[in-house]
Amino acid sequence: MTESLVRIVSDGTFFGSRVELLSGEALAGISHVSISMGPGLHPRACFEITPKMIDILAHPLLELETVRASAALYGFALVPIDPAI
């Protein structure tokens, strides 16, 4: 884990908050901030990010027909991925 100094700036509302580097450059893609503090401890902030795209190499544990049947059970249908998104 890499630690860096950042500034959490808020206008007093949830939607007006932003996270920026000490240089003032805003950090994009942050979807959630969790701040914890305690007596005698340094404040700690954890950030969740929402990447535009992420490649994951994985091995399926279920066969395609099992996934299709599970999706149908909840009223969903599997569709092909559009690589243009």
Protein backbone atom coordinates (compact mmCIF):
# COMPACT_ATOMS: atom_id res chain seq x y z
CA MET A 1 0.00 0.00 0.00
CA THR A 2 1.31 3.44 -0.94
CA GLU A 3 0.72 6.34 1.40
CA SER A 4 0.49 9.90 0.09
CA LEU A 5 -0.58 13.21 1.52
CA VAL A 6 -3.90 14.38 0.16
CA ARG A 7 -6.43 17.00 1.14
CA ILE A 8 -10.14 16.28 1.53
CA VAL A 9 -12.03 19.48 0.75
CA SER A 10 -15.70 19.84 1.60
CA ASP A 11 -18.22 22.63 1.14
CA GLY A 12 -20.32 21.08 3.91
CA THR A 13 -22.36 18.81 1.63
CA PHE A 14 -21.80 15.26 0.41
CA PHE A 15 -21.84 16.27 -3.23
CA GLY A 16 -19.45 19.21 -2.88
CA SER A 17 -16.57 17.21 -1.43
CA ARG A 18 -13.44 16.44 -3.42
CA VAL A 19 -10.05 14.87 -2.85
CA GLU A 20 -6.93 16.58 -4.14
CA LEU A 21 -3.18 16.34 -3.93
CA LEU A 22 -1.39 18.97 -1.88
CA SER A 23 -0.58 20.67 -5.19
CA GLY A 24 -4.33 21.27 -5.68
CA GLU A 25 -4.73 18.71 -8.48
CA ALA A 26 -8.07 16.90 -8.06
CA LEU A 27 -8.08 13.10 -7.89
CA ALA A 28 -10.71 11.69 -10.26
CA GLY A 29 -12.68 8.47 -9.98
CA ILE A 30 -13.13 8.43 -6.19
CA SER A 31 -16.57 7.03 -5.35
CA HIS A 32 -16.34 6.72 -1.56
CA VAL A 33 -14.23 8.09 1.29
CA SER A 34 -14.09 6.55 4.74
CA ILE A 35 -12.31 8.49 7.50
CA SER A 36 -11.34 7.02 10.87
CA MET A 37 -9.85 8.83 13.86
CA GLY A 38 -9.12 7.86 17.40
CA PRO A 39 -7.41 9.21 20.52
CA GLY A 40 -3.64 9.13 20.05
CA LEU A 41 -3.96 7.94 16.44
CA HIS A 42 -3.37 9.75 13.18
CA PRO A 43 -6.49 10.27 11.07
CA ARG A 44 -6.75 7.68 8.31
CA ALA A 45 -8.74 7.95 5.09
CA CYS A 46 -9.50 5.07 2.74
CA PHE A 47 -10.69 5.77 -0.79
CA GLU A 48 -12.72 3.59 -3.13
CA ILE A 49 -12.17 4.26 -6.80
CA THR A 50 -14.32 3.51 -9.81
CA PRO A 51 -12.06 2.77 -12.76
CA LYS A 52 -13.37 3.40 -16.27
CA MET A 53 -12.24 -0.06 -17.30
CA ILE A 54 -10.38 -2.87 -15.65
CA ASP A 55 -9.06 -6.08 -17.17
CA ILE A 56 -9.38 -9.14 -14.98
CA LEU A 57 -8.04 -12.56 -15.85
CA ALA A 58 -10.18 -15.14 -14.08
CA HIS A 59 -11.15 -18.78 -14.28
CA PRO A 60 -14.90 -19.43 -14.16
CA LEU A 61 -16.09 -21.64 -11.37
CA LEU A 62 -19.51 -22.15 -12.97
CA GLU A 63 -20.43 -23.29 -16.44
CA LEU A 64 -22.19 -20.80 -18.70
CA GLU A 65 -25.51 -22.65 -18.52
CA THR A 66 -25.47 -22.42 -14.70
CA VAL A 67 -24.87 -18.67 -14.89
CA ARG A 68 -27.64 -18.26 -17.49
CA ALA A 69 -30.09 -20.23 -15.35
CA SER A 70 -29.19 -18.20 -12.25
CA ALA A 71 -29.65 -14.94 -14.14
CA ALA A 72 -33.02 -16.09 -15.51
CA LEU A 73 -34.15 -17.00 -12.01
CA TYR A 74 -33.81 -13.34 -11.06
CA GLY A 75 -35.31 -12.04 -14.30
CA PHE A 76 -32.02 -11.16 -15.97
CA ALA A 77 -30.54 -12.26 -19.28
CA LEU A 78 -26.88 -12.39 -20.19
CA VAL A 79 -25.87 -10.15 -23.08
CA PRO A 80 -22.63 -9.86 -25.05
CA ILE A 81 -20.12 -7.26 -23.90
CA ASP A 82 -19.80 -4.22 -26.15
CA PRO A 83 -16.03 -3.55 -26.44
CA ALA A 84 -16.76 0.05 -27.46
CA ILE A 85 -17.90 0.94 -23.93
